[in-house]
């Protein structure tokens, strides 16, 4: 079994209780747009207009979820609690 198969779910399972389910859901939704953007920038892969449209819609949805959560803090990383 590869390490790249084990490490992400392990870190996700450790991180969700620390940041909360709501933020973990928002961060999970950002995974696919990040993969598309990084494949375009780093790997120089071609991305068609429909894929960019999907990235845009997903990012708008994430922005709406994050802005409507009502958890605005003066510190940008206040939601991370390491105990």
PDB file of N, CA and C in Angstrom:
ATOM      1  N   UNK A   1       0.846  -1.175   0.000  1.00  0.00           N
ATOM      2  CA  UNK A   1       0.000   0.000   0.000  1.00  0.00           C
ATOM      3  C   UNK A   1       0.893   1.241   0.000  1.00  0.00           C
ATOM      4  N   UNK A   2       0.525   2.199  -0.812  1.00  0.00           N
ATOM      5  CA  UNK A   2       1.296   3.433  -0.918  1.00  0.00           C
ATOM      6  C   UNK A   2       1.006   4.378   0.233  1.00  0.00           C
ATOM      7  N   UNK A   3       2.011   5.157   0.574  1.00  0.00           N
ATOM      8  CA  UNK A   3       1.852   6.147   1.645  1.00  0.00           C
ATOM      9  C   UNK A   3       0.865   7.224   1.228  1.00  0.00           C
ATOM     10  N   UNK A   4       0.847   7.570  -0.073  1.00  0.00           N
ATOM     11  CA  UNK A   4      -0.063   8.619  -0.530  1.00  0.00           C
ATOM     12  C   UNK A   4      -1.532   8.199  -0.476  1.00  0.00           C
ATOM     13  N   UNK A   5      -1.805   6.956  -0.190  1.00  0.00           N
ATOM     14  CA  UNK A   5      -3.177   6.489  -0.009  1.00  0.00           C
ATOM     15  C   UNK A   5      -3.572   6.565   1.464  1.00  0.00           C
ATOM     16  N   UNK A   6      -2.618   6.449   2.353  1.00  0.00           N
ATOM     17  CA  UNK A   6      -2.890   6.386   3.789  1.00  0.00           C
ATOM     18  C   UNK A   6      -2.847   7.768   4.450  1.00  0.00           C
ATOM     19  N   UNK A   7      -1.878   8.580   4.086  1.00  0.00           N
ATOM     20  CA  UNK A   7      -1.639   9.845   4.789  1.00  0.00           C
ATOM     21  C   UNK A   7      -2.809  10.839   4.685  1.00  0.00           C
ATOM     22  N   UNK A   8      -3.364  11.143   3.504  1.00  0.00           N
ATOM     23  CA  UNK A   8      -4.455  12.125   3.459  1.00  0.00           C
ATOM     24  C   UNK A   8      -5.669  11.774   4.324  1.00  0.00           C
ATOM     25  N   UNK A   9      -6.208  10.539   4.267  1.00  0.00           N
ATOM     26  CA  UNK A   9      -7.340  10.245   5.156  1.00  0.00           C
ATOM     27  C   UNK A   9      -6.968  10.293   6.638  1.00  0.00           C
ATOM     28  N   UNK A  10      -5.735   9.917   6.950  1.00  0.00           N
ATOM     29  CA  UNK A  10      -5.293   9.972   8.334  1.00  0.00           C
ATOM     30  C   UNK A  10      -5.260  11.418   8.831  1.00  0.00           C
ATOM     31  N   UNK A  11      -4.653  12.301   8.051  1.00  0.00           N
ATOM     32  CA  UNK A  11      -4.605  13.713   8.432  1.00  0.00           C
ATOM     33  C   UNK A  11      -6.000  14.325   8.479  1.00  0.00           C
ATOM     34  N   UNK A  12      -6.876  13.914   7.568  1.00  0.00           N
ATOM     35  CA  UNK A  12      -8.254  14.405   7.572  1.00  0.00           C
ATOM     36  C   UNK A  12      -8.970  13.979   8.849  1.00  0.00           C
ATOM     37  N   UNK A  13      -8.800  12.730   9.236  1.00  0.00           N
ATOM     38  CA  UNK A  13      -9.434  12.219  10.458  1.00  0.00           C
ATOM     39  C   UNK A  13      -8.895  12.912  11.698  1.00  0.00           C
ATOM     40  N   UNK A  14      -7.625  13.274  11.692  1.00  0.00           N
ATOM     41  CA  UNK A  14      -7.044  14.000  12.823  1.00  0.00           C
ATOM     42  C   UNK A  14      -7.501  15.448  12.829  1.00  0.00           C
ATOM     43  N   UNK A  15      -7.629  16.056  11.644  1.00  0.00           N
ATOM     44  CA  UNK A  15      -7.928  17.478  11.543  1.00  0.00           C
ATOM     45  C   UNK A  15      -9.378  17.857  11.756  1.00  0.00           C
ATOM     46  N   UNK A  16     -10.312  17.005  11.360  1.00  0.00           N
ATOM     47  CA  UNK A  16     -11.733  17.353  11.455  1.00  0.00           C
ATOM     48  C   UNK A  16     -12.162  17.681  12.883  1.00  0.00           C
ATOM     49  N   UNK A  17     -11.797  16.900  13.885  1.00  0.00           N
ATOM     50  CA  UNK A  17     -12.199  17.287  15.240  1.00  0.00           C
ATOM     51  C   UNK A  17     -11.585  18.606  15.701  1.00  0.00           C
ATOM     52  N   UNK A  18     -10.439  18.968  15.147  1.00  0.00           N
ATOM     53  CA  UNK A  18      -9.767  20.212  15.561  1.00  0.00           C
ATOM     54  C   UNK A  18     -10.387  21.451  14.933  1.00  0.00           C
ATOM     55  N   UNK A  19     -10.814  21.372  13.673  1.00  0.00           N
ATOM     56  CA  UNK A  19     -11.354  22.553  13.004  1.00  0.00           C
ATOM     57  C   UNK A  19     -12.873  22.555  12.936  1.00  0.00           C
ATOM     58  N   UNK A  20     -13.505  21.428  13.181  1.00  0.00           N
ATOM     59  CA  UNK A  20     -14.957  21.353  13.141  1.00  0.00           C
ATOM     60  C   UNK A  20     -15.454  20.832  11.807  1.00  0.00           C
ATOM     61  N   UNK A  21     -16.631  20.286  11.829  1.00  0.00           N
ATOM     62  CA  UNK A  21     -17.205  19.679  10.634  1.00  0.00           C
ATOM     63  C   UNK A  21     -17.528  20.668   9.534  1.00  0.00           C
ATOM     64  N   UNK A  22     -18.004  21.854   9.901  1.00  0.00           N
ATOM     65  CA  UNK A  22     -18.369  22.854   8.899  1.00  0.00           C
ATOM     66  C   UNK A  22     -17.185  23.312   8.070  1.00  0.00           C
ATOM     67  N   UNK A  23     -16.113  23.669   8.755  1.00  0.00           N
ATOM     68  CA  UNK A  23     -14.920  24.119   8.044  1.00  0.00           C
ATOM     69  C   UNK A  23     -14.280  22.973   7.271  1.00  0.00           C
ATOM     70  N   UNK A  24     -14.324  21.777   7.816  1.00  0.00           N
ATOM     71  CA  UNK A  24     -13.769  20.617   7.117  1.00  0.00           C
ATOM     72  C   UNK A  24     -14.532  20.362   5.820  1.00  0.00           C
ATOM     73  N   UNK A  25     -15.832  20.564   5.823  1.00  0.00           N
ATOM     74  CA  UNK A  25     -16.629  20.391   4.614  1.00  0.00           C
ATOM     75  C   UNK A  25     -16.259  21.423   3.561  1.00  0.00           C
ATOM     76  N   UNK A  26     -16.092  22.665   3.988  1.00  0.00           N
ATOM     77  CA  UNK A  26     -15.710  23.733   3.061  1.00  0.00           C
ATOM     78  C   UNK A  26     -14.328  23.464   2.476  1.00  0.00           C
ATOM     79  N   UNK A  27     -13.401  23.042   3.303  1.00  0.00           N
ATOM     80  CA  UNK A  27     -12.056  22.740   2.815  1.00  0.00           C
ATOM     81  C   UNK A  27     -12.056  21.542   1.873  1.00  0.00           C
ATOM     82  N   UNK A  28     -12.900  20.560   2.143  1.00  0.00           N
ATOM     83  CA  UNK A  28     -13.000  19.400   1.253  1.00  0.00           C
ATOM     84  C   UNK A  28     -13.548  19.798  -0.113  1.00  0.00           C
ATOM     85  N   UNK A  29     -14.471  20.746  -0.114  1.00  0.00           N
ATOM     86  CA  UNK A  29     -15.036  21.208  -1.388  1.00  0.00           C
ATOM     87  C   UNK A  29     -13.993  21.928  -2.233  1.00  0.00           C
ATOM     88  N   UNK A  30     -12.970  22.475  -1.609  1.00  0.00           N
ATOM     89  CA  UNK A  30     -11.926  23.194  -2.339  1.00  0.00           C
ATOM     90  C   UNK A  30     -10.894  22.258  -2.960  1.00  0.00           C
ATOM     91  N   UNK A  31     -10.980  20.983  -2.675  1.00  0.00           N
ATOM     92  CA  UNK A  31      -9.975  20.029  -3.172  1.00  0.00           C
ATOM     93  C   UNK A  31      -9.964  19.931  -4.697  1.00  0.00           C
ATOM     94  N   UNK A  32     -11.119  19.770  -5.323  1.00  0.00           N
ATOM     95  CA  UNK A  32     -11.157  19.606  -6.770  1.00  0.00           C
ATOM     96  C   UNK A  32     -10.756  20.874  -7.530  1.00  0.00           C
ATOM     97  N   UNK A  33     -11.262  22.062  -7.164  1.00  0.00           N
ATOM     98  CA  UNK A  33     -10.770  23.257  -7.864  1.00  0.00           C
ATOM     99  C   UNK A  33      -9.260  23.457  -7.698  1.00  0.00           C
ATOM    100  N   UNK A  34      -8.740  23.131  -6.536  1.00  0.00           N
ATOM    101  CA  UNK A  34      -7.298  23.241  -6.319  1.00  0.00           C
ATOM    102  C   UNK A  34      -6.546  22.280  -7.224  1.00  0.00           C
ATOM    103  N   UNK A  35      -7.059  21.079  -7.385  1.00  0.00           N
ATOM    104  CA  UNK A  35      -6.410  20.104  -8.264  1.00  0.00           C
ATOM    105  C   UNK A  35      -6.410  20.582  -9.710  1.00  0.00           C
ATOM    106  N   UNK A  36      -7.507  21.178 -10.167  1.00  0.00           N
ATOM    107  CA  UNK A  36      -7.580  21.675 -11.540  1.00  0.00           C
ATOM    108  C   UNK A  36      -6.608  22.831 -11.741  1.00  0.00           C
ATOM    109  N   UNK A  37      -6.593  23.761 -10.802  1.00  0.00           N
ATOM    110  CA  UNK A  37      -5.707  24.919 -10.919  1.00  0.00           C
ATOM    111  C   UNK A  37      -4.247  24.489 -10.881  1.00  0.00           C
ATOM    112  N   UNK A  38      -3.896  23.602  -9.975  1.00  0.00           N
ATOM    113  CA  UNK A  38      -2.504  23.156  -9.875  1.00  0.00           C
ATOM    114  C   UNK A  38      -2.083  22.330 -11.096  1.00  0.00           C
ATOM    115  N   UNK A  39      -2.990  21.541 -11.661  1.00  0.00           N
ATOM    116  CA  UNK A  39      -2.627  20.783 -12.867  1.00  0.00           C
ATOM    117  C   UNK A  39      -2.381  21.732 -14.035  1.00  0.00           C
ATOM    118  N   UNK A  40      -3.115  22.844 -14.077  1.00  0.00           N
ATOM    119  CA  UNK A  40      -2.903  23.832 -15.137  1.00  0.00           C
ATOM    120  C   UNK A  40      -1.588  24.580 -14.936  1.00  0.00           C
ATOM    121  N   UNK A  41      -1.317  25.002 -13.706  1.00  0.00           N
ATOM    122  CA  UNK A  41      -0.135  25.812 -13.416  1.00  0.00           C
ATOM    123  C   UNK A  41       1.135  24.973 -13.374  1.00  0.00           C
ATOM    124  N   UNK A  42       1.117  23.888 -12.626  1.00  0.00           N
ATOM    125  CA  UNK A  42       2.341  23.111 -12.392  1.00  0.00           C
ATOM    126  C   UNK A  42       2.617  22.128 -13.528  1.00  0.00           C
ATOM    127  N   UNK A  43       1.573  21.402 -13.957  1.00  0.00           N
ATOM    128  CA  UNK A  43       1.773  20.356 -14.959  1.00  0.00           C
ATOM    129  C   UNK A  43       1.525  20.829 -16.389  1.00  0.00           C
ATOM    130  N   UNK A  44       1.066  22.083 -16.532  1.00  0.00           N
ATOM    131  CA  UNK A  44       0.815  22.682 -17.846  1.00  0.00           C
ATOM    132  C   UNK A  44      -0.203  21.867 -18.653  1.00  0.00           C
ATOM    133  N   UNK A  45      -1.208  21.326 -17.973  1.00  0.00           N
ATOM    134  CA  UNK A  45      -2.259  20.580 -18.652  1.00  0.00           C
ATOM    135  C   UNK A  45      -3.288  21.554 -19.210  1.00  0.00           C
ATOM    136  N   UNK A  46      -3.965  21.139 -20.255  1.00  0.00           N
ATOM    137  CA  UNK A  46      -4.996  21.999 -20.824  1.00  0.00           C
ATOM    138  C   UNK A  46      -6.299  21.818 -20.038  1.00  0.00           C
ATOM    139  N   UNK A  47      -6.959  22.926 -19.806  1.00  0.00           N
ATOM    140  CA  UNK A  47      -8.235  22.928 -19.083  1.00  0.00           C
ATOM    141  C   UNK A  47      -9.229  23.670 -19.969  1.00  0.00           C
ATOM    142  N   UNK A  48     -10.342  23.032 -20.292  1.00  0.00           N
ATOM    143  CA  UNK A  48     -11.308  23.677 -21.187  1.00  0.00           C
ATOM    144  C   UNK A  48     -12.232  24.610 -20.409  1.00  0.00           C
ATOM    145  N   UNK A  49     -13.051  25.328 -21.159  1.00  0.00           N
ATOM    146  CA  UNK A  49     -13.895  26.348 -20.549  1.00  0.00           C
ATOM    147  C   UNK A  49     -14.904  25.753 -19.583  1.00  0.00           C
ATOM    148  N   UNK A  50     -15.391  24.559 -19.833  1.00  0.00           N
ATOM    149  CA  UNK A  50     -16.376  23.940 -18.948  1.00  0.00           C
ATOM    150  C   UNK A  50     -15.752  23.587 -17.590  1.00  0.00           C
ATOM    151  N   UNK A  51     -14.498  23.160 -17.621  1.00  0.00           N
ATOM    152  CA  UNK A  51     -13.796  22.879 -16.370  1.00  0.00           C
ATOM    153  C   UNK A  51     -13.561  24.168 -15.583  1.00  0.00           C
ATOM    154  N   UNK A  52     -13.163  25.250 -16.273  1.00  0.00           N
ATOM    155  CA  UNK A  52     -12.985  26.534 -15.592  1.00  0.00           C
ATOM    156  C   UNK A  52     -14.318  27.031 -15.030  1.00  0.00           C
ATOM    157  N   UNK A  53     -15.396  26.800 -15.762  1.00  0.00           N
ATOM    158  CA  UNK A  53     -16.717  27.178 -15.274  1.00  0.00           C
ATOM    159  C   UNK A  53     -17.059  26.419 -13.998  1.00  0.00           C
ATOM    160  N   UNK A  54     -16.763  25.123 -13.981  1.00  0.00           N
ATOM    161  CA  UNK A  54     -16.991  24.324 -12.777  1.00  0.00           C
ATOM    162  C   UNK A  54     -16.156  24.790 -11.599  1.00  0.00           C
ATOM    163  N   UNK A  55     -14.896  25.158 -11.863  1.00  0.00           N
ATOM    164  CA  UNK A  55     -14.032  25.694 -10.803  1.00  0.00           C
ATOM    165  C   UNK A  55     -14.629  26.989 -10.258  1.00  0.00           C
ATOM    166  N   UNK A  56     -15.084  27.851 -11.156  1.00  0.00           N
ATOM    167  CA  UNK A  56     -15.675  29.126 -10.728  1.00  0.00           C
ATOM    168  C   UNK A  56     -16.934  28.942  -9.903  1.00  0.00           C
ATOM    169  N   UNK A  57     -17.812  28.062 -10.348  1.00  0.00           N
ATOM    170  CA  UNK A  57     -19.054  27.795  -9.601  1.00  0.00           C
ATOM    171  C   UNK A  57     -18.738  27.223  -8.220  1.00  0.00           C
ATOM    172  N   UNK A  58     -17.795  26.299  -8.176  1.00  0.00           N
ATOM    173  CA  UNK A  58     -17.416  25.704  -6.893  1.00  0.00           C
ATOM    174  C   UNK A  58     -16.825  26.752  -5.956  1.00  0.00           C
ATOM    175  N   UNK A  59     -15.956  27.604  -6.469  1.00  0.00           N
ATOM    176  CA  UNK A  59     -15.341  28.638  -5.633  1.00  0.00           C
ATOM    177  C   UNK A  59     -16.373  29.670  -5.158  1.00  0.00           C
ATOM    178  N   UNK A  60     -17.343  29.988  -6.002  1.00  0.00           N
ATOM    179  CA  UNK A  60     -18.422  30.889  -5.574  1.00  0.00           C
ATOM    180  C   UNK A  60     -19.224  30.242  -4.453  1.00  0.00           C
ATOM    181  N   UNK A  61     -19.525  28.959  -4.598  1.00  0.00           N
ATOM    182  CA  UNK A  61     -20.254  28.241  -3.548  1.00  0.00           C
ATOM    183  C   UNK A  61     -19.486  28.207  -2.240  1.00  0.00           C
ATOM    184  N   UNK A  62     -18.180  27.974  -2.319  1.00  0.00           N
ATOM    185  CA  UNK A  62     -17.352  27.965  -1.111  1.00  0.00           C
ATOM    186  C   UNK A  62     -17.339  29.339  -0.465  1.00  0.00           C
ATOM    187  N   UNK A  63     -17.223  30.372  -1.285  1.00  0.00           N
ATOM    188  CA  UNK A  63     -17.223  31.743  -0.761  1.00  0.00           C
ATOM    189  C   UNK A  63     -18.542  32.062  -0.072  1.00  0.00           C
ATOM    190  N   UNK A  64     -19.640  31.654  -0.675  1.00  0.00           N
ATOM    191  CA  UNK A  64     -20.945  31.891  -0.057  1.00  0.00           C
ATOM    192  C   UNK A  64     -21.095  31.128   1.253  1.00  0.00           C
ATOM    193  N   UNK A  65     -20.635  29.886   1.285  1.00  0.00           N
ATOM    194  CA  UNK A  65     -20.708  29.119   2.524  1.00  0.00           C
ATOM    195  C   UNK A  65     -19.856  29.735   3.621  1.00  0.00           C
ATOM    196  N   UNK A  66     -18.648  30.144   3.265  1.00  0.00           N
ATOM    197  CA  UNK A  66     -17.741  30.706   4.259  1.00  0.00           C
ATOM    198  C   UNK A  66     -18.229  32.058   4.761  1.00  0.00           C
ATOM    199  N   UNK A  67     -18.768  32.884   3.862  1.00  0.00           N
ATOM    200  CA  UNK A  67     -19.219  34.207   4.277  1.00  0.00           C
ATOM    201  C   UNK A  67     -20.522  34.157   5.060  1.00  0.00           C
ATOM    202  N   UNK A  68     -21.330  33.124   4.841  1.00  0.00           N
ATOM    203  CA  UNK A  68     -22.599  33.030   5.564  1.00  0.00           C
ATOM    204  C   UNK A  68     -22.486  32.217   6.847  1.00  0.00           C
ATOM    205  N   UNK A  69     -21.282  31.744   7.161  1.00  0.00           N
ATOM    206  CA  UNK A  69     -21.144  30.926   8.365  1.00  0.00           C
ATOM    207  C   UNK A  69     -21.283  31.750   9.634  1.00  0.00           C
ATOM    208  N   UNK A  70     -21.062  33.064   9.543  1.00  0.00           N
ATOM    209  CA  UNK A  70     -21.220  33.924  10.702  1.00  0.00           C
ATOM    210  C   UNK A  70     -20.080  33.850  11.688  1.00  0.00           C
ATOM    211  N   UNK A  71     -19.039  33.149  11.362  1.00  0.00           N
ATOM    212  CA  UNK A  71     -17.899  33.007  12.262  1.00  0.00           C
ATOM    213  C   UNK A  71     -16.758  33.884  11.772  1.00  0.00           C
ATOM    214  N   UNK A  72     -16.900  35.171  11.974  1.00  0.00           N
ATOM    215  CA  UNK A  72     -15.850  36.091  11.576  1.00  0.00           C
ATOM    216  C   UNK A  72     -14.983  36.390  12.791  1.00  0.00           C
ATOM    217  N   UNK A  73     -13.719  36.287  12.604  1.00  0.00           N
ATOM    218  CA  UNK A  73     -12.786  36.491  13.698  1.00  0.00           C
ATOM    219  C   UNK A  73     -11.784  37.557  13.310  1.00  0.00           C
ATOM    220  N   UNK A  74     -11.242  38.231  14.311  1.00  0.00           N
ATOM    221  CA  UNK A  74     -10.215  39.219  14.040  1.00  0.00           C
ATOM    222  C   UNK A  74      -8.918  38.544  13.632  1.00  0.00           C
ATOM    223  N   UNK A  75      -8.663  37.351  14.132  1.00  0.00           N
ATOM    224  CA  UNK A  75      -7.470  36.611  13.769  1.00  0.00           C
ATOM    225  C   UNK A  75      -7.827  35.659  12.629  1.00  0.00           C
ATOM    226  N   UNK A  76      -7.099  35.696  11.518  1.00  0.00           N
ATOM    227  CA  UNK A  76      -7.495  34.859  10.386  1.00  0.00           C
ATOM    228  C   UNK A  76      -7.410  33.366  10.655  1.00  0.00           C
ATOM    229  N   UNK A  77      -6.571  32.931  11.577  1.00  0.00           N
ATOM    230  CA  UNK A  77      -6.434  31.503  11.845  1.00  0.00           C
ATOM    231  C   UNK A  77      -6.934  31.140  13.236  1.00  0.00           C
ATOM    232  N   UNK A  78      -7.906  31.870  13.724  1.00  0.00           N
ATOM    233  CA  UNK A  78      -8.445  31.645  15.054  1.00  0.00           C
ATOM    234  C   UNK A  78      -9.224  30.332  15.149  1.00  0.00           C
ATOM    235  N   UNK A  79      -9.676  29.815  14.009  1.00  0.00           N
ATOM    236  CA  UNK A  79     -10.479  28.596  14.026  1.00  0.00           C
ATOM    237  C   UNK A  79      -9.631  27.344  14.262  1.00  0.00           C
ATOM    238  N   UNK A  80      -8.326  27.457  14.166  1.00  0.00           N
ATOM    239  CA  UNK A  80      -7.458  26.297  14.358  1.00  0.00           C
ATOM    240  C   UNK A  80      -7.080  26.210  15.828  1.00  0.00           C
ATOM    241  N   UNK A  81      -7.510  25.129  16.466  1.00  0.00           N
ATOM    242  CA  UNK A  81      -7.189  24.913  17.885  1.00  0.00           C
ATOM    243  C   UNK A  81      -6.346  23.664  18.005  1.00  0.00           C
ATOM    244  N   UNK A  82      -5.131  23.812  18.399  1.00  0.00           N
ATOM    245  CA  UNK A  82      -4.258  22.664  18.593  1.00  0.00           C
ATOM    246  C   UNK A  82      -4.137  22.440  20.085  1.00  0.00           C
ATOM    247  N   UNK A  83      -4.589  21.278  20.510  1.00  0.00           N
ATOM    248  CA  UNK A  83      -4.582  20.972  21.941  1.00  0.00           C
ATOM    249  C   UNK A  83      -3.588  19.900  22.270  1.00  0.00           C
TER     250      UNK A  83
END
